[in-house]
Amino acid sequence: MIINGQAVKGAKRLAHHLMKPENEKVSILEISGTASNDNLKWALMDMEALGRLTQSRTGKVLYHANINPQSHEVLSREDYIRSADRLMNELGFEGQPRAVVMHVKQGRQHAHLVVQLTDLDSGKLRPISNNYYKHRTVAKDLEKELRLDRSPRRKSGKSFEQKEAQQAKKLKVDVSHLRTVVTLAYETAKQGKDFLRNLRQSAIELAKGKRLVLVDERGGIHSLTRTLKATAKPKEIKDKLRDVIPDLPSPEEAKERQRLSENISEHNRLYQSEDIALRQLAEFRQKKLMEEVQVRMIERQRQFQRQKGLGL
């Protein structure tokens, strides 16, 4: 089970999202604590109206959480209500108005929890802290209690995909494409200087701060080890790049280089078709595999000749 969530605003927009007809099934499991307990849109608008009492500067007076079992798992209404109760208790939202909506989309079941954050006693919003870890704790506990399969989780903080996808959206950089280009640059390089040359052909700089990072042509910073996580381990990366690591610029210096570069073009290789980059990577891996097979065949022939010479 995976649980995530955050404070949001826009009751009408959220109600529209939760009732989208593109879902194969929409079931309102519970609406409680509002004046309109039989209409989701009005219930969420009531919650938002109550939140205005806090004079919140951001207007984010609702908490929207997603409760996602794995694709093959099916939970009952009672299971989702129990999950919502556990999550609210862990986050410190006990007794707050809420709505619980279950969706089935493309055969996969999941649920949404919307909670009103206004504390009527204090006139302030309920605080939100360490929600990532609280989500993970509740998910792990529910997996045991409901006998669900354990979902893979990251070790800490905001995931690479979440954090860098947000940055990429802002900078209009395709993270998936960037990862493909960097992987191609890494696998075709024999040592660090080759890797740097390959990166610069795609207007990417390598820099060193507290860690090794990539700086794309729009100034976005991306962790090198996370970008290459499917290709090489951190130690392998450092060993391969040891000839250039001592002389790498800082991220700020790399950004300045990017700003001053006269070779940036919208037709740069970084923004070529991702299909081309993927094809180049596949071709290189196929060539490398064939070379390894050829080496093994030669070694087997030599071994056979030695055994034949010894009369074995």
C-alpha atoms as a PDB file:
ATOM      1  CA  MET A   1       0.000   0.000   0.000  1.00  0.00           C
ATOM      2  CA  ILE A   2       1.175   3.499  -0.853  1.00  0.00           C
ATOM      3  CA  ILE A   3      -0.275   6.584   0.866  1.00  0.00           C
ATOM      4  CA  ASN A   4       0.486  10.175  -0.065  1.00  0.00           C
ATOM      5  CA  GLY A   5      -1.198  13.504   0.509  1.00  0.00           C
ATOM      6  CA  GLN A   6      -0.894  17.243   0.998  1.00  0.00           C
ATOM      7  CA  ALA A   7      -2.802  20.402   1.875  1.00  0.00           C
ATOM      8  CA  VAL A   8      -4.833  21.727  -1.068  1.00  0.00           C
ATOM      9  CA  LYS A   9      -7.345  24.412  -2.012  1.00  0.00           C
ATOM     10  CA  GLY A  10     -10.158  24.574  -4.537  1.00  0.00           C
ATOM     11  CA  ALA A  11     -13.169  22.606  -3.331  1.00  0.00           C
ATOM     12  CA  LYS A  12     -15.031  22.751  -6.666  1.00  0.00           C
ATOM     13  CA  ARG A  13     -12.016  21.578  -8.632  1.00  0.00           C
ATOM     14  CA  LEU A  14     -11.355  18.770  -6.165  1.00  0.00           C
ATOM     15  CA  ALA A  15     -14.998  17.631  -6.219  1.00  0.00           C
ATOM     16  CA  HIS A  16     -14.910  17.584 -10.018  1.00  0.00           C
ATOM     17  CA  HIS A  17     -11.714  15.515  -9.933  1.00  0.00           C
ATOM     18  CA  LEU A  18     -13.177  13.008  -7.485  1.00  0.00           C
ATOM     19  CA  MET A  19     -16.376  12.576  -9.509  1.00  0.00           C
ATOM     20  CA  LYS A  20     -14.765  12.329 -12.962  1.00  0.00           C
ATOM     21  CA  PRO A  21     -16.704   9.988 -15.263  1.00  0.00           C
ATOM     22  CA  GLU A  22     -13.436   8.538 -16.614  1.00  0.00           C
ATOM     23  CA  ASN A  23     -13.375   6.332 -13.512  1.00  0.00           C
ATOM     24  CA  GLU A  24     -15.095   3.017 -14.059  1.00  0.00           C
ATOM     25  CA  LYS A  25     -16.676   3.275 -10.629  1.00  0.00           C
ATOM     26  CA  VAL A  26     -17.034   6.094  -8.065  1.00  0.00           C
ATOM     27  CA  SER A  27     -18.403   5.282  -4.609  1.00  0.00           C
ATOM     28  CA  ILE A  28     -18.821   7.850  -1.842  1.00  0.00           C
ATOM     29  CA  LEU A  29     -18.021   5.768   1.227  1.00  0.00           C
ATOM     30  CA  GLU A  30     -18.544   8.511   3.808  1.00  0.00           C
ATOM     31  CA  ILE A  31     -19.200  12.231   4.243  1.00  0.00           C
ATOM     32  CA  SER A  32     -19.247  13.413   7.852  1.00  0.00           C
ATOM     33  CA  GLY A  33     -19.055  16.611   9.891  1.00  0.00           C
ATOM     34  CA  THR A  34     -20.564  18.922   7.255  1.00  0.00           C
ATOM     35  CA  ALA A  35     -23.973  20.480   6.634  1.00  0.00           C
ATOM     36  CA  SER A  36     -24.234  18.617   3.310  1.00  0.00           C
ATOM     37  CA  ASN A  37     -23.562  14.983   4.042  1.00  0.00           C
ATOM     38  CA  ASP A  38     -25.321  13.731   0.915  1.00  0.00           C
ATOM     39  CA  ASN A  39     -23.579  15.827  -1.746  1.00  0.00           C
ATOM     40  CA  LEU A  40     -19.799  15.693  -2.215  1.00  0.00           C
ATOM     41  CA  LYS A  41     -19.438  19.037  -3.991  1.00  0.00           C
ATOM     42  CA  TRP A  42     -21.420  20.955  -1.385  1.00  0.00           C
ATOM     43  CA  ALA A  43     -19.703  19.105   1.448  1.00  0.00           C
ATOM     44  CA  LEU A  44     -16.255  20.120   0.199  1.00  0.00           C
ATOM     45  CA  MET A  45     -17.432  23.690  -0.352  1.00  0.00           C
ATOM     46  CA  ASP A  46     -18.743  23.737   3.242  1.00  0.00           C
ATOM     47  CA  MET A  47     -15.335  22.551   4.434  1.00  0.00           C
ATOM     48  CA  GLU A  48     -13.591  25.262   2.436  1.00  0.00           C
ATOM     49  CA  ALA A  49     -15.968  27.959   3.694  1.00  0.00           C
ATOM     50  CA  LEU A  50     -15.218  26.914   7.269  1.00  0.00           C
ATOM     51  CA  GLY A  51     -11.524  27.204   6.504  1.00  0.00           C
ATOM     52  CA  ARG A  52     -11.892  30.890   5.659  1.00  0.00           C
ATOM     53  CA  LEU A  53     -12.331  31.547   9.374  1.00  0.00           C
ATOM     54  CA  THR A  54      -8.601  30.953   9.761  1.00  0.00           C
ATOM     55  CA  GLN A  55      -7.771  33.690   7.208  1.00  0.00           C
ATOM     56  CA  SER A  56      -5.201  31.331   5.711  1.00  0.00           C
ATOM     57  CA  ARG A  57      -2.852  33.162   3.368  1.00  0.00           C
ATOM     58  CA  THR A  58      -2.521  30.163   1.048  1.00  0.00           C
ATOM     59  CA  GLY A  59      -6.160  29.083   1.136  1.00  0.00           C
ATOM     60  CA  LYS A  60      -5.043  25.456   1.541  1.00  0.00           C
ATOM     61  CA  VAL A  61      -7.580  24.467   4.169  1.00  0.00           C
ATOM     62  CA  LEU A  62      -8.221  20.912   2.956  1.00  0.00           C
ATOM     63  CA  TYR A  63      -6.010  17.841   3.186  1.00  0.00           C
ATOM     64  CA  HIS A  64      -6.233  15.448   0.251  1.00  0.00           C
ATOM     65  CA  ALA A  65      -4.730  11.972   0.640  1.00  0.00           C
ATOM     66  CA  ASN A  66      -4.586   8.984  -1.723  1.00  0.00           C
ATOM     67  CA  ILE A  67      -4.791   5.444  -0.332  1.00  0.00           C
ATOM     68  CA  ASN A  68      -3.439   3.034  -2.946  1.00  0.00           C
ATOM     69  CA  PRO A  69      -3.336  -0.733  -2.481  1.00  0.00           C
ATOM     70  CA  GLN A  70      -1.489  -2.686  -5.158  1.00  0.00           C
ATOM     71  CA  SER A  71      -3.241  -3.281  -8.474  1.00  0.00           C
ATOM     72  CA  HIS A  72      -4.277  -6.860  -7.668  1.00  0.00           C
ATOM     73  CA  GLU A  73      -5.648  -6.049  -4.200  1.00  0.00           C
ATOM     74  CA  VAL A  74      -9.302  -5.292  -3.457  1.00  0.00           C
ATOM     75  CA  LEU A  75     -10.371  -3.689  -0.171  1.00  0.00           C
ATOM     76  CA  SER A  76     -13.836  -3.472   1.349  1.00  0.00           C
ATOM     77  CA  ARG A  77     -15.617  -0.296   2.441  1.00  0.00           C
ATOM     78  CA  GLU A  78     -14.737  -1.145   6.048  1.00  0.00           C
ATOM     79  CA  ASP A  79     -11.069  -1.518   5.108  1.00  0.00           C
ATOM     80  CA  TYR A  80     -10.964   1.960   3.551  1.00  0.00           C
ATOM     81  CA  ILE A  81     -12.817   3.544   6.491  1.00  0.00           C
ATOM     82  CA  ARG A  82     -10.371   1.847   8.843  1.00  0.00           C
ATOM     83  CA  SER A  83      -7.470   3.139   6.735  1.00  0.00           C
ATOM     84  CA  ALA A  84      -8.880   6.681   6.832  1.00  0.00           C
ATOM     85  CA  ASP A  85      -9.301   6.493  10.630  1.00  0.00           C
ATOM     86  CA  ARG A  86      -5.721   5.321  11.117  1.00  0.00           C
ATOM     87  CA  LEU A  87      -4.328   7.978   8.825  1.00  0.00           C
ATOM     88  CA  MET A  88      -6.269  10.802  10.474  1.00  0.00           C
ATOM     89  CA  ASN A  89      -5.175   9.666  13.935  1.00  0.00           C
ATOM     90  CA  GLU A  90      -1.531   9.532  12.871  1.00  0.00           C
ATOM     91  CA  LEU A  91      -1.705  13.003  11.290  1.00  0.00           C
ATOM     92  CA  GLY A  92      -3.522  14.506  14.283  1.00  0.00           C
ATOM     93  CA  PHE A  93      -6.799  15.140  12.419  1.00  0.00           C
ATOM     94  CA  GLU A  94      -9.108  13.197  14.751  1.00  0.00           C
ATOM     95  CA  GLY A  95     -12.728  14.378  14.700  1.00  0.00           C
ATOM     96  CA  GLN A  96     -12.333  16.675  11.681  1.00  0.00           C
ATOM     97  CA  PRO A  97     -14.985  16.782   8.922  1.00  0.00           C
ATOM     98  CA  ARG A  98     -14.069  14.420   6.108  1.00  0.00           C
ATOM     99  CA  ALA A  99     -15.082  12.689   2.898  1.00  0.00           C
ATOM    100  CA  VAL A 100     -13.939   9.257   1.748  1.00  0.00           C
ATOM    101  CA  VAL A 101     -14.352   8.360  -1.934  1.00  0.00           C
ATOM    102  CA  MET A 102     -13.425   5.061  -3.586  1.00  0.00           C
ATOM    103  CA  HIS A 103     -12.472   4.808  -7.270  1.00  0.00           C
ATOM    104  CA  VAL A 104     -11.972   1.943  -9.697  1.00  0.00           C
ATOM    105  CA  LYS A 105      -9.910   3.056 -12.683  1.00  0.00           C
ATOM    106  CA  GLN A 106      -8.575   0.691 -15.353  1.00  0.00           C
ATOM    107  CA  GLY A 107      -9.468  -2.176 -13.041  1.00  0.00           C
ATOM    108  CA  ARG A 108      -7.426  -0.778 -10.150  1.00  0.00           C
ATOM    109  CA  GLN A 109      -9.051   0.196  -6.866  1.00  0.00           C
ATOM    110  CA  HIS A 110      -7.959   3.122  -4.674  1.00  0.00           C
ATOM    111  CA  ALA A 111      -9.493   5.699  -2.345  1.00  0.00           C
ATOM    112  CA  HIS A 112      -9.317   9.436  -1.665  1.00  0.00           C
ATOM    113  CA  LEU A 113      -9.596  11.050   1.764  1.00  0.00           C
ATOM    114  CA  VAL A 114     -10.400  14.771   2.076  1.00  0.00           C
ATOM    115  CA  VAL A 115     -10.142  16.333   5.547  1.00  0.00           C
ATOM    116  CA  GLN A 116     -11.099  19.834   6.713  1.00  0.00           C
ATOM    117  CA  LEU A 117      -8.100  21.295   8.569  1.00  0.00           C
ATOM    118  CA  THR A 118      -9.735  24.075  10.605  1.00  0.00           C
ATOM    119  CA  ASP A 119      -9.556  23.572  14.370  1.00  0.00           C
ATOM    120  CA  LEU A 120     -12.720  25.250  15.705  1.00  0.00           C
ATOM    121  CA  ASP A 121     -11.318  25.503  19.236  1.00  0.00           C
ATOM    122  CA  SER A 122      -8.219  27.459  18.261  1.00  0.00           C
ATOM    123  CA  GLY A 123      -9.482  29.055  15.054  1.00  0.00           C
ATOM    124  CA  LYS A 124      -6.311  27.885  13.335  1.00  0.00           C
ATOM    125  CA  LEU A 125      -5.433  25.155  10.879  1.00  0.00           C
ATOM    126  CA  ARG A 126      -4.307  21.804  12.218  1.00  0.00           C
ATOM    127  CA  PRO A 127      -0.509  21.626  11.788  1.00  0.00           C
ATOM    128  CA  ILE A 128       0.990  19.340   9.147  1.00  0.00           C
ATOM    129  CA  SER A 129       4.433  17.965   9.921  1.00  0.00           C
ATOM    130  CA  ASN A 130       6.434  14.918   8.815  1.00  0.00           C
ATOM    131  CA  ASN A 131       3.459  13.755   6.787  1.00  0.00           C
ATOM    132  CA  TYR A 132       5.651  11.708   4.431  1.00  0.00           C
ATOM    133  CA  TYR A 133       6.881   9.531   7.291  1.00  0.00           C
ATOM    134  CA  LYS A 134       3.431   9.332   8.856  1.00  0.00           C
ATOM    135  CA  HIS A 135       1.937   8.171   5.564  1.00  0.00           C
ATOM    136  CA  ARG A 136       4.601   5.486   5.301  1.00  0.00           C
ATOM    137  CA  THR A 137       4.102   4.345   8.907  1.00  0.00           C
ATOM    138  CA  VAL A 138       0.341   3.968   8.477  1.00  0.00           C
ATOM    139  CA  ALA A 139       0.777   2.161   5.139  1.00  0.00           C
ATOM    140  CA  LYS A 140       3.191  -0.359   6.673  1.00  0.00           C
ATOM    141  CA  ASP A 141       0.879  -0.965   9.642  1.00  0.00           C
ATOM    142  CA  LEU A 142      -2.163  -1.434   7.389  1.00  0.00           C
ATOM    143  CA  GLU A 143      -0.292  -3.898   5.183  1.00  0.00           C
ATOM    144  CA  LYS A 144       0.195  -6.091   8.236  1.00  0.00           C
ATOM    145  CA  GLU A 145      -3.308  -5.652   9.630  1.00  0.00           C
ATOM    146  CA  LEU A 146      -5.094  -6.179   6.304  1.00  0.00           C
ATOM    147  CA  ARG A 147      -2.612  -8.852   5.138  1.00  0.00           C
ATOM    148  CA  LEU A 148      -1.617  -6.944   2.020  1.00  0.00           C
ATOM    149  CA  ASP A 149       1.531  -7.425  -0.011  1.00  0.00           C
ATOM    150  CA  ARG A 150       4.354  -5.106   0.955  1.00  0.00           C
ATOM    151  CA  SER A 151       4.858  -2.241  -1.510  1.00  0.00           C
ATOM    152  CA  PRO A 152       8.402  -1.054  -2.352  1.00  0.00           C
ATOM    153  CA  ARG A 153       9.305   2.228  -0.660  1.00  0.00           C
ATOM    154  CA  ARG A 154      12.128   4.719  -0.794  1.00  0.00           C
ATOM    155  CA  LYS A 155      14.361   5.181   2.208  1.00  0.00           C
ATOM    156  CA  SER A 156      13.922   8.867   2.925  1.00  0.00           C
ATOM    157  CA  GLY A 157      12.270  12.150   2.125  1.00  0.00           C
ATOM    158  CA  LYS A 158      10.651  13.157  -1.077  1.00  0.00           C
ATOM    159  CA  SER A 159      11.358  10.712  -3.837  1.00  0.00           C
ATOM    160  CA  PHE A 160      13.615  11.527  -6.760  1.00  0.00           C
ATOM    161  CA  GLU A 161      10.711  11.273  -9.150  1.00  0.00           C
ATOM    162  CA  GLN A 162       8.505  13.668  -7.148  1.00  0.00           C
ATOM    163  CA  LYS A 163      11.138  16.308  -6.447  1.00  0.00           C
ATOM    164  CA  GLU A 164      12.820  16.384  -9.811  1.00  0.00           C
ATOM    165  CA  ALA A 165       9.618  15.952 -11.777  1.00  0.00           C
ATOM    166  CA  GLN A 166       8.338  19.160 -10.168  1.00  0.00           C
ATOM    167  CA  GLN A 167      11.562  20.943 -11.086  1.00  0.00           C
ATOM    168  CA  ALA A 168      11.471  19.494 -14.595  1.00  0.00           C
ATOM    169  CA  LYS A 169       7.902  20.675 -15.115  1.00  0.00           C
ATOM    170  CA  LYS A 170       8.881  24.175 -14.068  1.00  0.00           C
ATOM    171  CA  LEU A 171      11.966  24.224 -16.319  1.00  0.00           C
ATOM    172  CA  LYS A 172      10.273  22.274 -19.157  1.00  0.00           C
ATOM    173  CA  VAL A 173      12.850  19.479 -19.043  1.00  0.00           C
ATOM    174  CA  ASP A 174      11.852  15.876 -19.780  1.00  0.00           C
ATOM    175  CA  VAL A 175      13.409  13.915 -16.894  1.00  0.00           C
ATOM    176  CA  SER A 176      12.879  10.555 -18.596  1.00  0.00           C
ATOM    177  CA  HIS A 177      14.659  11.804 -21.700  1.00  0.00           C
ATOM    178  CA  LEU A 178      17.454  13.343 -19.608  1.00  0.00           C
ATOM    179  CA  ARG A 179      17.946  10.019 -17.844  1.00  0.00           C
ATOM    180  CA  THR A 180      18.208   8.213 -21.197  1.00  0.00           C
ATOM    181  CA  VAL A 181      20.744  10.694 -22.577  1.00  0.00           C
ATOM    182  CA  VAL A 182      22.881  10.576 -19.408  1.00  0.00           C
ATOM    183  CA  THR A 183      22.772   6.773 -19.360  1.00  0.00           C
ATOM    184  CA  LEU A 184      23.934   6.671 -22.983  1.00  0.00           C
ATOM    185  CA  ALA A 185      26.743   9.141 -22.174  1.00  0.00           C
ATOM    186  CA  TYR A 186      27.835   7.048 -19.184  1.00  0.00           C
ATOM    187  CA  GLU A 187      27.728   3.608 -20.785  1.00  0.00           C
ATOM    188  CA  THR A 188      29.638   4.720 -23.897  1.00  0.00           C
ATOM    189  CA  ALA A 189      32.381   6.379 -21.804  1.00  0.00           C
ATOM    190  CA  LYS A 190      35.521   4.510 -20.742  1.00  0.00           C
ATOM    191  CA  GLN A 191      36.522   7.108 -18.161  1.00  0.00           C
ATOM    192  CA  GLY A 192      35.489  10.428 -16.665  1.00  0.00           C
ATOM    193  CA  LYS A 193      36.781  12.691 -19.428  1.00  0.00           C
ATOM    194  CA  ASP A 194      34.789  10.710 -22.004  1.00  0.00           C
ATOM    195  CA  PHE A 195      31.670  11.083 -19.891  1.00  0.00           C
ATOM    196  CA  LEU A 196      32.170  14.865 -19.611  1.00  0.00           C
ATOM    197  CA  ARG A 197      32.617  15.159 -23.364  1.00  0.00           C
ATOM    198  CA  ASN A 198      29.471  13.130 -24.024  1.00  0.00           C
ATOM    199  CA  LEU A 199      27.462  15.223 -21.577  1.00  0.00           C
ATOM    200  CA  ARG A 200      28.608  18.526 -23.072  1.00  0.00           C
ATOM    201  CA  GLN A 201      27.490  17.386 -26.500  1.00  0.00           C
ATOM    202  CA  SER A 202      24.014  17.431 -24.954  1.00  0.00           C
ATOM    203  CA  ALA A 203      24.562  20.742 -23.137  1.00  0.00           C
ATOM    204  CA  ILE A 204      24.810  19.077 -19.720  1.00  0.00           C
ATOM    205  CA  GLU A 205      27.477  19.958 -17.150  1.00  0.00           C
ATOM    206  CA  LEU A 206      28.761  17.724 -14.353  1.00  0.00           C
ATOM    207  CA  ALA A 207      29.369  19.481 -11.017  1.00  0.00           C
ATOM    208  CA  LYS A 208      30.388  18.625  -7.469  1.00  0.00           C
ATOM    209  CA  GLY A 209      28.840  20.041  -4.334  1.00  0.00           C
ATOM    210  CA  LYS A 210      27.931  17.810  -1.414  1.00  0.00           C
ATOM    211  CA  ARG A 211      27.322  15.199  -4.116  1.00  0.00           C
ATOM    212  CA  LEU A 212      27.819  14.789  -7.846  1.00  0.00           C
ATOM    213  CA  VAL A 213      25.087  16.555  -9.804  1.00  0.00           C
ATOM    214  CA  LEU A 214      24.086  17.249 -13.396  1.00  0.00           C
ATOM    215  CA  VAL A 215      23.233  20.788 -14.488  1.00  0.00           C
ATOM    216  CA  ASP A 216      21.039  20.909 -17.580  1.00  0.00           C
ATOM    217  CA  GLU A 217      21.038  23.806 -20.030  1.00  0.00           C
ATOM    218  CA  ARG A 218      18.162  25.520 -18.223  1.00  0.00           C
ATOM    219  CA  GLY A 219      19.980  25.443 -14.895  1.00  0.00           C
ATOM    220  CA  GLY A 220      18.084  22.492 -13.394  1.00  0.00           C
ATOM    221  CA  ILE A 221      20.102  20.368 -10.965  1.00  0.00           C
ATOM    222  CA  HIS A 222      19.750  16.573 -10.973  1.00  0.00           C
ATOM    223  CA  SER A 223      21.476  13.975  -8.795  1.00  0.00           C
ATOM    224  CA  LEU A 224      23.909  11.938 -10.888  1.00  0.00           C
ATOM    225  CA  THR A 225      23.687   8.763  -8.805  1.00  0.00           C
ATOM    226  CA  ARG A 226      19.887   8.832  -8.860  1.00  0.00           C
ATOM    227  CA  THR A 227      19.781   9.509 -12.565  1.00  0.00           C
ATOM    228  CA  LEU A 228      22.003   6.467 -13.124  1.00  0.00           C
ATOM    229  CA  LYS A 229      20.452   4.338 -10.377  1.00  0.00           C
ATOM    230  CA  ALA A 230      19.286   1.691 -12.867  1.00  0.00           C
ATOM    231  CA  THR A 231      22.700   1.515 -14.508  1.00  0.00           C
ATOM    232  CA  ALA A 232      25.439   1.677 -11.870  1.00  0.00           C
ATOM    233  CA  LYS A 233      26.012   1.814  -8.130  1.00  0.00           C
ATOM    234  CA  PRO A 234      27.359   5.037  -6.530  1.00  0.00           C
ATOM    235  CA  LYS A 235      30.773   3.466  -5.889  1.00  0.00           C
ATOM    236  CA  GLU A 236      31.032   2.274  -9.502  1.00  0.00           C
ATOM    237  CA  ILE A 237      30.209   5.770 -10.728  1.00  0.00           C
ATOM    238  CA  LYS A 238      32.844   7.398  -8.511  1.00  0.00           C
ATOM    239  CA  ASP A 239      35.467   4.859  -9.550  1.00  0.00           C
ATOM    240  CA  LYS A 240      34.781   5.479 -13.226  1.00  0.00           C
ATOM    241  CA  LEU A 241      34.869   9.269 -12.845  1.00  0.00           C
ATOM    242  CA  ARG A 242      37.805   9.483 -10.433  1.00  0.00           C
ATOM    243  CA  ASP A 243      40.011  11.137 -13.094  1.00  0.00           C
ATOM    244  CA  VAL A 244      37.728  14.208 -13.318  1.00  0.00           C
ATOM    245  CA  ILE A 245      36.043  14.483  -9.903  1.00  0.00           C
ATOM    246  CA  PRO A 246      38.800  16.623  -8.259  1.00  0.00           C
ATOM    247  CA  ASP A 247      38.523  19.300 -10.971  1.00  0.00           C
ATOM    248  CA  LEU A 248      34.748  19.538 -11.278  1.00  0.00           C
ATOM    249  CA  PRO A 249      33.120  22.961 -10.860  1.00  0.00           C
ATOM    250  CA  SER A 250      30.583  23.776  -8.171  1.00  0.00           C
ATOM    251  CA  PRO A 251      26.885  23.717  -9.166  1.00  0.00           C
ATOM    252  CA  GLU A 252      26.876  27.544  -9.176  1.00  0.00           C
ATOM    253  CA  GLU A 253      29.889  27.661 -11.500  1.00  0.00           C
ATOM    254  CA  ALA A 254      28.295  25.059 -13.779  1.00  0.00           C
ATOM    255  CA  LYS A 255      25.097  27.128 -13.926  1.00  0.00           C
ATOM    256  CA  GLU A 256      27.141  30.170 -14.920  1.00  0.00           C
ATOM    257  CA  ARG A 257      28.833  28.174 -17.669  1.00  0.00           C
ATOM    258  CA  GLN A 258      25.453  27.165 -18.974  1.00  0.00           C
ATOM    259  CA  ARG A 259      24.262  30.760 -18.920  1.00  0.00           C
ATOM    260  CA  LEU A 260      27.286  31.970 -20.863  1.00  0.00           C
ATOM    261  CA  SER A 261      27.322  29.115 -23.356  1.00  0.00           C
ATOM    262  CA  GLU A 262      26.894  30.199 -26.965  1.00  0.00           C
ATOM    263  CA  ASN A 263      26.214  26.706 -28.254  1.00  0.00           C
ATOM    264  CA  ILE A 264      22.755  26.146 -26.767  1.00  0.00           C
ATOM    265  CA  SER A 265      20.121  25.390 -29.349  1.00  0.00           C
ATOM    266  CA  GLU A 266      16.564  24.155 -29.297  1.00  0.00           C
ATOM    267  CA  HIS A 267      17.806  21.446 -31.654  1.00  0.00           C
ATOM    268  CA  ASN A 268      20.418  20.257 -29.160  1.00  0.00           C
ATOM    269  CA  ARG A 269      20.768  16.497 -28.710  1.00  0.00           C
ATOM    270  CA  LEU A 270      19.111  16.687 -25.302  1.00  0.00           C
ATOM    271  CA  TYR A 271      15.892  17.660 -27.063  1.00  0.00           C
ATOM    272  CA  GLN A 272      16.144  15.242 -29.929  1.00  0.00           C
ATOM    273  CA  SER A 273      13.496  12.556 -30.150  1.00  0.00           C
ATOM    274  CA  GLU A 274      13.687  10.281 -27.127  1.00  0.00           C
ATOM    275  CA  ASP A 275      13.182   7.378 -29.516  1.00  0.00           C
ATOM    276  CA  ILE A 276      16.537   8.218 -31.133  1.00  0.00           C
ATOM    277  CA  ALA A 277      18.344   8.307 -27.776  1.00  0.00           C
ATOM    278  CA  LEU A 278      16.735   5.033 -26.707  1.00  0.00           C
ATOM    279  CA  ARG A 279      17.648   3.403 -30.012  1.00  0.00           C
ATOM    280  CA  GLN A 280      21.269   4.557 -29.684  1.00  0.00           C
ATOM    281  CA  LEU A 281      21.430   3.167 -26.149  1.00  0.00           C
ATOM    282  CA  ALA A 282      19.906  -0.156 -27.251  1.00  0.00           C
ATOM    283  CA  GLU A 283      22.327  -0.419 -30.175  1.00  0.00           C
ATOM    284  CA  PHE A 284      25.309   0.244 -27.931  1.00  0.00           C
ATOM    285  CA  ARG A 285      24.176  -2.356 -25.381  1.00  0.00           C
ATOM    286  CA  GLN A 286      23.585  -4.911 -28.142  1.00  0.00           C
ATOM    287  CA  LYS A 287      27.054  -4.270 -29.571  1.00  0.00           C
ATOM    288  CA  LYS A 288      28.605  -4.583 -26.118  1.00  0.00           C
ATOM    289  CA  LEU A 289      26.731  -7.827 -25.482  1.00  0.00           C
ATOM    290  CA  MET A 290      27.908  -9.297 -28.802  1.00  0.00           C
ATOM    291  CA  GLU A 291      31.502  -8.379 -27.950  1.00  0.00           C
ATOM    292  CA  GLU A 292      31.191 -10.117 -24.574  1.00  0.00           C
ATOM    293  CA  VAL A 293      29.711 -13.228 -26.244  1.00  0.00           C
ATOM    294  CA  GLN A 294      32.546 -13.246 -28.763  1.00  0.00           C
ATOM    295  CA  VAL A 295      35.165 -13.011 -25.995  1.00  0.00           C
ATOM    296  CA  ARG A 296      33.531 -15.909 -24.131  1.00  0.00           C
ATOM    297  CA  MET A 297      33.471 -18.048 -27.310  1.00  0.00           C
ATOM    298  CA  ILE A 298      37.158 -17.391 -27.950  1.00  0.00           C
ATOM    299  CA  GLU A 299      37.997 -18.276 -24.353  1.00  0.00           C
ATOM    300  CA  ARG A 300      36.015 -21.520 -24.613  1.00  0.00           C
ATOM    301  CA  GLN A 301      37.864 -22.439 -27.828  1.00  0.00           C
ATOM    302  CA  ARG A 302      41.203 -21.829 -26.143  1.00  0.00           C
ATOM    303  CA  GLN A 303      40.147 -23.904 -23.148  1.00  0.00           C
ATOM    304  CA  PHE A 304      39.044 -26.726 -25.456  1.00  0.00           C
ATOM    305  CA  GLN A 305      42.394 -26.634 -27.303  1.00  0.00           C
ATOM    306  CA  ARG A 306      44.309 -26.776 -24.007  1.00  0.00           C
ATOM    307  CA  GLN A 307      42.273 -29.766 -22.816  1.00  0.00           C
ATOM    308  CA  LYS A 308      42.766 -31.486 -26.181  1.00  0.00           C
ATOM    309  CA  GLY A 309      46.524 -30.900 -25.988  1.00  0.00           C
ATOM    310  CA  LEU A 310      46.635 -32.449 -22.525  1.00  0.00           C
ATOM    311  CA  GLY A 311      44.639 -35.444 -23.721  1.00  0.00           C
ATOM    312  CA  LEU A 312      41.738 -34.755 -21.366  1.00  0.00           C
END
